[in-house]
Amino acid sequence: MNNLLNTGEVPNLFEANPNEKDNILQIVREQANSENYTGDIWTFFINKIRENLHLAMAMNPIGEEFRTRVRNFPSIVNCSTIDWFHPWPEDALLEVAKVKFEGLKLEIGGKDKEDE
């Protein structure tokens, strides 16, 4: 995951079957030509991966295990956006619910009643 985030490549992914890499390059070469790209075809391919691949990872940020993982794989922090999610306070949950349901017609006990 660290290499994928950092470089857009998985090391040695195509080493076992070089024909697979050649097939990919042929397809990508056609796209590169249609976009008038004149550089290295493999670089074009990697850039397309980096532009279009989106990953989501979930980790518990509490404890030594997370700190060790970040030290060993710095791209987790350097090449990504981290969203920290914490439990919401009960009053915040109630306020959001109040705003979302305000003015909504609800049926309570068989009768329509407008939420107050």
N, C-alpha and C. Protein backbone atom coordinates (compact mmCIF):
# COMPACT_ATOMS: atom_id res chain seq x y z
N MET A 1 0.84 -1.18 0.00
CA MET A 1 0.00 0.00 0.00
C MET A 1 0.88 1.25 0.00
N ASN A 2 1.97 1.21 0.74
CA ASN A 2 2.88 2.35 0.81
C ASN A 2 3.40 2.72 -0.58
N ASN A 3 3.87 1.73 -1.34
CA ASN A 3 4.38 2.00 -2.70
C ASN A 3 3.27 2.47 -3.63
N LEU A 4 2.12 1.88 -3.53
CA LEU A 4 1.00 2.28 -4.38
C LEU A 4 0.63 3.74 -4.13
N LEU A 5 0.57 4.15 -2.87
CA LEU A 5 0.28 5.54 -2.54
C LEU A 5 1.38 6.48 -3.01
N ASN A 6 2.62 6.05 -2.86
CA ASN A 6 3.76 6.91 -3.15
C ASN A 6 4.08 7.01 -4.64
N THR A 7 4.09 5.88 -5.33
CA THR A 7 4.56 5.88 -6.72
C THR A 7 3.47 5.56 -7.73
N GLY A 8 2.36 4.97 -7.29
CA GLY A 8 1.32 4.54 -8.20
C GLY A 8 1.57 3.14 -8.74
N GLU A 9 2.58 2.46 -8.24
CA GLU A 9 2.93 1.12 -8.73
C GLU A 9 2.95 0.11 -7.60
N VAL A 10 2.69 -1.13 -7.96
CA VAL A 10 2.90 -2.26 -7.05
C VAL A 10 4.18 -2.93 -7.52
N PRO A 11 5.22 -2.98 -6.68
CA PRO A 11 6.49 -3.56 -7.11
C PRO A 11 6.35 -5.00 -7.58
N ASN A 12 7.04 -5.31 -8.67
CA ASN A 12 7.11 -6.66 -9.25
C ASN A 12 5.75 -7.24 -9.66
N LEU A 13 4.78 -6.39 -9.89
CA LEU A 13 3.45 -6.88 -10.25
C LEU A 13 3.46 -7.61 -11.59
N PHE A 14 4.28 -7.12 -12.55
CA PHE A 14 4.28 -7.70 -13.88
C PHE A 14 5.52 -8.55 -14.17
N GLU A 15 6.32 -8.82 -13.16
CA GLU A 15 7.55 -9.60 -13.37
C GLU A 15 7.27 -11.04 -13.76
N ALA A 16 6.21 -11.63 -13.23
CA ALA A 16 5.92 -13.04 -13.49
C ALA A 16 5.43 -13.25 -14.93
N ASN A 17 4.77 -12.26 -15.50
CA ASN A 17 4.23 -12.41 -16.84
C ASN A 17 4.50 -11.13 -17.66
N PRO A 18 5.67 -11.06 -18.30
CA PRO A 18 6.01 -9.86 -19.07
C PRO A 18 5.05 -9.58 -20.23
N ASN A 19 4.39 -10.61 -20.76
CA ASN A 19 3.42 -10.41 -21.84
C ASN A 19 2.25 -9.54 -21.38
N GLU A 20 1.89 -9.68 -20.11
CA GLU A 20 0.80 -8.88 -19.57
C GLU A 20 1.14 -7.39 -19.62
N LYS A 21 2.38 -7.07 -19.25
CA LYS A 21 2.83 -5.67 -19.29
C LYS A 21 2.84 -5.16 -20.73
N ASP A 22 3.28 -5.99 -21.68
CA ASP A 22 3.29 -5.60 -23.09
C ASP A 22 1.87 -5.33 -23.59
N ASN A 23 0.93 -6.17 -23.19
CA ASN A 23 -0.47 -5.98 -23.60
C ASN A 23 -1.02 -4.65 -23.05
N ILE A 24 -0.70 -4.36 -21.81
CA ILE A 24 -1.14 -3.10 -21.20
C ILE A 24 -0.53 -1.92 -21.94
N LEU A 25 0.77 -2.01 -22.22
CA LEU A 25 1.44 -0.90 -22.91
C LEU A 25 0.85 -0.66 -24.29
N GLN A 26 0.46 -1.71 -24.97
CA GLN A 26 -0.16 -1.55 -26.30
C GLN A 26 -1.47 -0.78 -26.20
N ILE A 27 -2.30 -1.15 -25.23
CA ILE A 27 -3.58 -0.47 -25.03
C ILE A 27 -3.36 0.98 -24.62
N VAL A 28 -2.43 1.19 -23.70
CA VAL A 28 -2.15 2.53 -23.19
C VAL A 28 -1.52 3.40 -24.28
N ARG A 29 -0.70 2.80 -25.13
CA ARG A 29 -0.06 3.55 -26.22
C ARG A 29 -1.12 4.17 -27.13
N GLU A 30 -2.18 3.42 -27.41
CA GLU A 30 -3.27 3.95 -28.23
C GLU A 30 -3.93 5.15 -27.58
N GLN A 31 -4.16 5.06 -26.27
CA GLN A 31 -4.76 6.19 -25.56
C GLN A 31 -3.81 7.38 -25.52
N ALA A 32 -2.52 7.11 -25.27
CA ALA A 32 -1.52 8.18 -25.23
C ALA A 32 -1.44 8.90 -26.58
N ASN A 33 -1.49 8.13 -27.67
CA ASN A 33 -1.47 8.73 -29.01
C ASN A 33 -2.70 9.59 -29.24
N SER A 34 -3.86 9.13 -28.78
CA SER A 34 -5.08 9.90 -28.98
C SER A 34 -5.07 11.20 -28.18
N GLU A 35 -4.26 11.23 -27.11
CA GLU A 35 -4.13 12.44 -26.30
C GLU A 35 -2.87 13.23 -26.67
N ASN A 36 -2.22 12.83 -27.76
CA ASN A 36 -0.99 13.49 -28.25
C ASN A 36 0.12 13.52 -27.20
N TYR A 37 0.22 12.45 -26.41
CA TYR A 37 1.28 12.33 -25.41
C TYR A 37 2.54 11.84 -26.11
N THR A 38 3.69 12.47 -25.84
CA THR A 38 4.92 12.09 -26.53
C THR A 38 5.98 11.50 -25.60
N GLY A 39 5.69 11.40 -24.31
CA GLY A 39 6.69 10.88 -23.37
C GLY A 39 6.67 9.37 -23.27
N ASP A 40 7.25 8.87 -22.20
CA ASP A 40 7.33 7.44 -21.93
C ASP A 40 5.94 6.87 -21.67
N ILE A 41 5.60 5.77 -22.34
CA ILE A 41 4.26 5.18 -22.24
C ILE A 41 4.00 4.64 -20.84
N TRP A 42 5.00 4.04 -20.22
CA TRP A 42 4.82 3.51 -18.86
C TRP A 42 4.53 4.65 -17.88
N THR A 43 5.21 5.77 -18.04
CA THR A 43 4.96 6.94 -17.19
C THR A 43 3.53 7.45 -17.40
N PHE A 44 3.07 7.46 -18.64
CA PHE A 44 1.70 7.85 -18.94
C PHE A 44 0.72 6.93 -18.21
N PHE A 45 0.98 5.63 -18.26
CA PHE A 45 0.13 4.64 -17.59
C PHE A 45 0.10 4.88 -16.09
N ILE A 46 1.25 5.06 -15.48
CA ILE A 46 1.33 5.29 -14.02
C ILE A 46 0.61 6.58 -13.65
N ASN A 47 0.77 7.62 -14.45
CA ASN A 47 0.09 8.88 -14.17
C ASN A 47 -1.43 8.72 -14.24
N LYS A 48 -1.91 7.92 -15.18
CA LYS A 48 -3.35 7.65 -15.27
C LYS A 48 -3.84 6.91 -14.03
N ILE A 49 -3.04 5.97 -13.56
CA ILE A 49 -3.40 5.25 -12.34
C ILE A 49 -3.48 6.23 -11.17
N ARG A 50 -2.48 7.07 -11.02
CA ARG A 50 -2.45 8.01 -9.90
C ARG A 50 -3.60 9.01 -9.96
N GLU A 51 -4.04 9.37 -11.17
CA GLU A 51 -5.15 10.31 -11.32
C GLU A 51 -6.50 9.66 -11.01
N ASN A 52 -6.64 8.37 -11.31
CA ASN A 52 -7.96 7.75 -11.27
C ASN A 52 -8.19 6.74 -10.16
N LEU A 53 -7.15 6.29 -9.50
CA LEU A 53 -7.31 5.29 -8.45
C LEU A 53 -7.55 5.98 -7.11
N HIS A 54 -8.63 5.61 -6.46
CA HIS A 54 -8.95 6.16 -5.14
C HIS A 54 -9.07 5.00 -4.16
N LEU A 55 -8.44 5.14 -3.02
CA LEU A 55 -8.43 4.09 -2.01
C LEU A 55 -9.03 4.61 -0.73
N ALA A 56 -9.65 3.73 0.01
CA ALA A 56 -10.13 4.06 1.35
C ALA A 56 -9.58 3.01 2.30
N MET A 57 -8.95 3.48 3.35
CA MET A 57 -8.42 2.58 4.38
C MET A 57 -9.00 3.02 5.72
N ALA A 58 -9.27 2.08 6.57
CA ALA A 58 -9.76 2.39 7.90
C ALA A 58 -8.80 1.79 8.92
N MET A 59 -8.35 2.62 9.84
CA MET A 59 -7.44 2.16 10.88
C MET A 59 -7.82 2.81 12.20
N ASN A 60 -7.51 2.13 13.26
CA ASN A 60 -7.70 2.68 14.58
C ASN A 60 -6.46 3.52 14.91
N PRO A 61 -6.62 4.84 15.12
CA PRO A 61 -5.45 5.68 15.36
C PRO A 61 -4.94 5.65 16.80
N ILE A 62 -5.52 4.82 17.61
CA ILE A 62 -5.14 4.77 19.01
C ILE A 62 -4.11 3.67 19.24
N GLY A 63 -3.07 4.00 19.96
CA GLY A 63 -2.12 2.99 20.38
C GLY A 63 -0.82 2.97 19.60
N GLU A 64 0.08 2.16 20.08
CA GLU A 64 1.42 2.06 19.52
C GLU A 64 1.42 1.41 18.14
N GLU A 65 0.48 0.52 17.88
CA GLU A 65 0.43 -0.18 16.58
C GLU A 65 0.27 0.82 15.42
N PHE A 66 -0.58 1.81 15.59
CA PHE A 66 -0.78 2.83 14.54
C PHE A 66 0.49 3.65 14.36
N ARG A 67 1.12 4.08 15.45
CA ARG A 67 2.36 4.87 15.36
C ARG A 67 3.45 4.08 14.65
N THR A 68 3.56 2.81 14.94
CA THR A 68 4.57 1.96 14.29
C THR A 68 4.26 1.84 12.80
N ARG A 69 3.01 1.64 12.46
CA ARG A 69 2.63 1.50 11.05
C ARG A 69 2.96 2.78 10.28
N VAL A 70 2.68 3.94 10.86
CA VAL A 70 2.96 5.21 10.19
C VAL A 70 4.47 5.42 10.03
N ARG A 71 5.25 5.03 11.03
CA ARG A 71 6.72 5.14 10.91
C ARG A 71 7.25 4.22 9.82
N ASN A 72 6.72 3.01 9.72
CA ASN A 72 7.19 2.05 8.73
C ASN A 72 6.69 2.35 7.32
N PHE A 73 5.55 2.98 7.21
CA PHE A 73 4.93 3.26 5.91
C PHE A 73 4.52 4.73 5.85
N PRO A 74 5.46 5.63 5.66
CA PRO A 74 5.18 7.07 5.74
C PRO A 74 4.21 7.59 4.68
N SER A 75 4.03 6.89 3.58
CA SER A 75 3.09 7.35 2.55
C SER A 75 1.65 7.34 3.04
N ILE A 76 1.36 6.58 4.08
CA ILE A 76 0.02 6.59 4.65
C ILE A 76 -0.34 8.00 5.09
N VAL A 77 0.64 8.75 5.58
CA VAL A 77 0.41 10.12 6.02
C VAL A 77 0.75 11.12 4.92
N ASN A 78 1.88 10.92 4.25
CA ASN A 78 2.38 11.90 3.28
C ASN A 78 1.59 11.95 1.98
N CYS A 79 0.98 10.86 1.58
CA CYS A 79 0.33 10.78 0.26
C CYS A 79 -1.17 10.53 0.37
N SER A 80 -1.76 10.93 1.46
CA SER A 80 -3.18 10.69 1.63
C SER A 80 -3.81 11.81 2.44
N THR A 81 -5.11 11.80 2.49
CA THR A 81 -5.87 12.72 3.33
C THR A 81 -6.45 11.89 4.46
N ILE A 82 -6.27 12.36 5.66
CA ILE A 82 -6.74 11.61 6.82
C ILE A 82 -7.96 12.31 7.38
N ASP A 83 -9.04 11.57 7.53
CA ASP A 83 -10.25 12.06 8.19
C ASP A 83 -10.33 11.36 9.54
N TRP A 84 -10.31 12.15 10.60
CA TRP A 84 -10.40 11.60 11.94
C TRP A 84 -11.87 11.62 12.35
N PHE A 85 -12.40 10.47 12.72
CA PHE A 85 -13.78 10.39 13.15
C PHE A 85 -13.80 10.07 14.64
N HIS A 86 -14.51 10.88 15.37
CA HIS A 86 -14.65 10.68 16.81
C HIS A 86 -16.14 10.54 17.12
N PRO A 87 -16.46 9.93 18.24
CA PRO A 87 -17.88 9.85 18.62
C PRO A 87 -18.47 11.26 18.78
N TRP A 88 -19.69 11.43 18.34
CA TRP A 88 -20.35 12.72 18.47
C TRP A 88 -21.01 12.82 19.84
N PRO A 89 -21.01 14.02 20.44
CA PRO A 89 -21.75 14.22 21.68
C PRO A 89 -23.26 14.08 21.42
N GLU A 90 -23.99 13.64 22.41
CA GLU A 90 -25.42 13.40 22.25
C GLU A 90 -26.18 14.67 21.86
N ASP A 91 -25.81 15.82 22.43
CA ASP A 91 -26.52 17.06 22.10
C ASP A 91 -26.31 17.45 20.63
N ALA A 92 -25.14 17.15 20.05
CA ALA A 92 -24.89 17.43 18.64
C ALA A 92 -25.74 16.53 17.76
N LEU A 93 -25.86 15.26 18.12
CA LEU A 93 -26.71 14.33 17.36
C LEU A 93 -28.17 14.78 17.38
N LEU A 94 -28.64 15.22 18.54
CA LEU A 94 -30.02 15.68 18.65
C LEU A 94 -30.25 16.95 17.83
N GLU A 95 -29.29 17.85 17.83
CA GLU A 95 -29.42 19.09 17.07
C GLU A 95 -29.47 18.83 15.56
N VAL A 96 -28.63 17.93 15.07
CA VAL A 96 -28.65 17.57 13.65
C VAL A 96 -29.99 16.93 13.30
N ALA A 97 -30.48 16.03 14.13
CA ALA A 97 -31.77 15.39 13.88
C ALA A 97 -32.89 16.43 13.87
N LYS A 98 -32.84 17.38 14.79
CA LYS A 98 -33.87 18.42 14.86
C LYS A 98 -33.88 19.23 13.57
N VAL A 99 -32.73 19.63 13.07
CA VAL A 99 -32.64 20.43 11.85
C VAL A 99 -33.13 19.62 10.64
N LYS A 100 -32.75 18.36 10.57
CA LYS A 100 -33.11 17.53 9.42
C LYS A 100 -34.61 17.21 9.38
N PHE A 101 -35.24 17.06 10.55
CA PHE A 101 -36.65 16.69 10.59
C PHE A 101 -37.59 17.88 10.74
N GLU A 102 -37.04 19.07 10.90
CA GLU A 102 -37.87 20.27 11.07
C GLU A 102 -38.76 20.48 9.84
N GLY A 103 -40.06 20.64 10.08
CA GLY A 103 -40.99 20.88 9.00
C GLY A 103 -41.43 19.63 8.27
N LEU A 104 -40.96 18.48 8.67
CA LEU A 104 -41.32 17.22 8.03
C LEU A 104 -42.66 16.73 8.57
N LYS A 105 -43.55 16.33 7.69
CA LYS A 105 -44.85 15.79 8.11
C LYS A 105 -44.67 14.34 8.53
N LEU A 106 -45.04 14.04 9.73
CA LEU A 106 -44.95 12.68 10.24
C LEU A 106 -46.33 12.15 10.56
N GLU A 107 -46.52 10.86 10.39
CA GLU A 107 -47.78 10.23 10.76
C GLU A 107 -47.58 9.56 12.11
N ILE A 108 -48.29 10.07 13.11
CA ILE A 108 -48.15 9.53 14.46
C ILE A 108 -49.51 9.01 14.91
N GLY A 109 -49.57 7.73 15.21
CA GLY A 109 -50.81 7.12 15.69
C GLY A 109 -51.95 7.21 14.68
N GLY A 110 -51.62 7.15 13.38
CA GLY A 110 -52.66 7.17 12.37
C GLY A 110 -53.09 8.56 11.95
N LYS A 111 -52.57 9.61 12.60
CA LYS A 111 -52.91 10.98 12.25
C LYS A 111 -51.68 11.69 11.72
N ASP A 112 -51.88 12.57 10.75
CA ASP A 112 -50.76 13.40 10.28
C ASP A 112 -50.50 14.48 11.31
N LYS A 113 -49.25 14.65 11.62
CA LYS A 113 -48.87 15.70 12.55
C LYS A 113 -47.60 16.33 12.04
N GLU A 114 -47.59 17.63 11.96
CA GLU A 114 -46.40 18.34 11.50
C GLU A 114 -45.45 18.45 12.67
N ASP A 115 -44.19 18.11 12.45
CA ASP A 115 -43.17 18.15 13.48
C ASP A 115 -42.96 19.59 13.92
N GLU A 116 -42.79 19.77 15.21
CA GLU A 116 -42.60 21.13 15.75
C GLU A 116 -41.15 21.39 16.03
